[in-house]
Amino acid sequence: MFGLGVTELVIIMIIVVVLFGASKLPQIGKGIGEAITNFKKATSEFTGSDETRKVASENTGEKKV
C-alpha cells in the first residue's frame, strides 16, 4: 500500500491525533469517505458517458475523434 509499512501508518495516525484531536477523527474520516465516494461517482459517470458516445458513434457510423 503505497510503500508504507505498519510503523509508518502508526506514526501518521499519532501525528493526525495530535494535530486534530481525537474528537475530530470521526468527522475527518466521514469527510474523506464522502470525498472518495464522490470521486468514484464522477469517475464512473465520466467513463460511462465516454462509452455511451463510443457506442452511439459506432451505431451511426461516425468517425471517432
C-alpha atoms as a PDB file:
ATOM      1  CA  MET A   1       0.000   0.000   0.000  1.00  0.00           C
ATOM      2  CA  PHE A   2       1.985   2.977  -1.307  1.00  0.00           C
ATOM      3  CA  GLY A   3       5.136   1.535   0.211  1.00  0.00           C
ATOM      4  CA  LEU A   4       4.006   2.369   3.756  1.00  0.00           C
ATOM      5  CA  GLY A   5       4.554  -0.162   6.495  1.00  0.00           C
ATOM      6  CA  VAL A   6       2.665  -0.567   9.727  1.00  0.00           C
ATOM      7  CA  THR A   7       5.148   1.568  11.626  1.00  0.00           C
ATOM      8  CA  GLU A   8       4.762   4.482   9.215  1.00  0.00           C
ATOM      9  CA  LEU A   9       0.966   4.278   9.375  1.00  0.00           C
ATOM     10  CA  VAL A  10       1.029   4.308  13.183  1.00  0.00           C
ATOM     11  CA  ILE A  11       3.292   7.363  13.183  1.00  0.00           C
ATOM     12  CA  ILE A  12       0.969   9.137  10.732  1.00  0.00           C
ATOM     13  CA  MET A  13      -2.064   8.317  12.889  1.00  0.00           C
ATOM     14  CA  ILE A  14      -0.317   9.666  16.002  1.00  0.00           C
ATOM     15  CA  ILE A  15       0.502  12.905  14.171  1.00  0.00           C
ATOM     16  CA  VAL A  16      -3.120  13.213  12.980  1.00  0.00           C
ATOM     17  CA  VAL A  17      -4.441  12.693  16.523  1.00  0.00           C
ATOM     18  CA  VAL A  18      -2.023  15.301  17.880  1.00  0.00           C
ATOM     19  CA  LEU A  19      -2.908  17.843  15.180  1.00  0.00           C
ATOM     20  CA  PHE A  20      -6.687  17.435  15.078  1.00  0.00           C
ATOM     21  CA  GLY A  21      -7.545  15.807  18.389  1.00  0.00           C
ATOM     22  CA  ALA A  22      -9.389  12.547  18.916  1.00  0.00           C
ATOM     23  CA  SER A  23     -12.810  14.220  18.816  1.00  0.00           C
ATOM     24  CA  LYS A  24     -12.314  15.395  15.208  1.00  0.00           C
ATOM     25  CA  LEU A  25     -11.251  11.999  13.820  1.00  0.00           C
ATOM     26  CA  PRO A  26     -14.790  10.741  13.035  1.00  0.00           C
ATOM     27  CA  GLN A  27     -15.546  13.968  11.148  1.00  0.00           C
ATOM     28  CA  ILE A  28     -12.297  13.710   9.205  1.00  0.00           C
ATOM     29  CA  GLY A  29     -12.985  10.063   8.357  1.00  0.00           C
ATOM     30  CA  LYS A  30     -16.505  10.883   7.208  1.00  0.00           C
ATOM     31  CA  GLY A  31     -15.225  13.717   5.034  1.00  0.00           C
ATOM     32  CA  ILE A  32     -12.577  11.527   3.430  1.00  0.00           C
ATOM     33  CA  GLY A  33     -15.123   8.756   2.830  1.00  0.00           C
ATOM     34  CA  GLU A  34     -17.555  11.161   1.170  1.00  0.00           C
ATOM     35  CA  ALA A  35     -14.768  12.589  -0.978  1.00  0.00           C
ATOM     36  CA  ILE A  36     -13.771   9.115  -2.164  1.00  0.00           C
ATOM     37  CA  THR A  37     -17.419   8.238  -2.895  1.00  0.00           C
ATOM     38  CA  ASN A  38     -17.923  11.431  -4.898  1.00  0.00           C
ATOM     39  CA  PHE A  39     -14.697  10.834  -6.796  1.00  0.00           C
ATOM     40  CA  LYS A  40     -15.755   7.292  -7.713  1.00  0.00           C
ATOM     41  CA  LYS A  41     -19.192   8.545  -8.851  1.00  0.00           C
ATOM     42  CA  ALA A  42     -17.642  11.242 -11.006  1.00  0.00           C
ATOM     43  CA  THR A  43     -15.160   8.797 -12.486  1.00  0.00           C
ATOM     44  CA  SER A  44     -17.835   6.239 -13.326  1.00  0.00           C
ATOM     45  CA  GLU A  45     -20.110   8.924 -14.815  1.00  0.00           C
ATOM     46  CA  PHE A  46     -17.241  10.196 -16.955  1.00  0.00           C
ATOM     47  CA  THR A  47     -16.312   6.683 -18.070  1.00  0.00           C
ATOM     48  CA  GLY A  48     -19.964   5.796 -18.688  1.00  0.00           C
ATOM     49  CA  SER A  49     -20.605   8.864 -20.829  1.00  0.00           C
ATOM     50  CA  ASP A  50     -17.452   8.155 -22.822  1.00  0.00           C
ATOM     51  CA  GLU A  51     -18.581   4.583 -23.500  1.00  0.00           C
ATOM     52  CA  THR A  52     -22.064   5.810 -24.425  1.00  0.00           C
ATOM     53  CA  ARG A  53     -20.614   8.198 -27.009  1.00  0.00           C
ATOM     54  CA  LYS A  54     -18.415   5.430 -28.388  1.00  0.00           C
ATOM     55  CA  VAL A  55     -21.370   3.057 -28.837  1.00  0.00           C
ATOM     56  CA  ALA A  56     -23.530   5.820 -30.306  1.00  0.00           C
ATOM     57  CA  SER A  57     -20.847   6.760 -32.833  1.00  0.00           C
ATOM     58  CA  GLU A  58     -20.441   3.116 -33.833  1.00  0.00           C
ATOM     59  CA  ASN A  59     -24.205   2.785 -34.347  1.00  0.00           C
ATOM     60  CA  THR A  60     -24.434   5.917 -36.511  1.00  0.00           C
ATOM     61  CA  GLY A  61     -21.241   5.242 -38.428  1.00  0.00           C
ATOM     62  CA  GLU A  62     -19.474   8.401 -37.251  1.00  0.00           C
ATOM     63  CA  LYS A  63     -15.726   8.515 -37.121  1.00  0.00           C
ATOM     64  CA  LYS A  64     -14.115   8.610 -33.687  1.00  0.00           C
ATOM     65  CA  VAL A  65     -12.193  11.761 -32.900  1.00  0.00           C
END
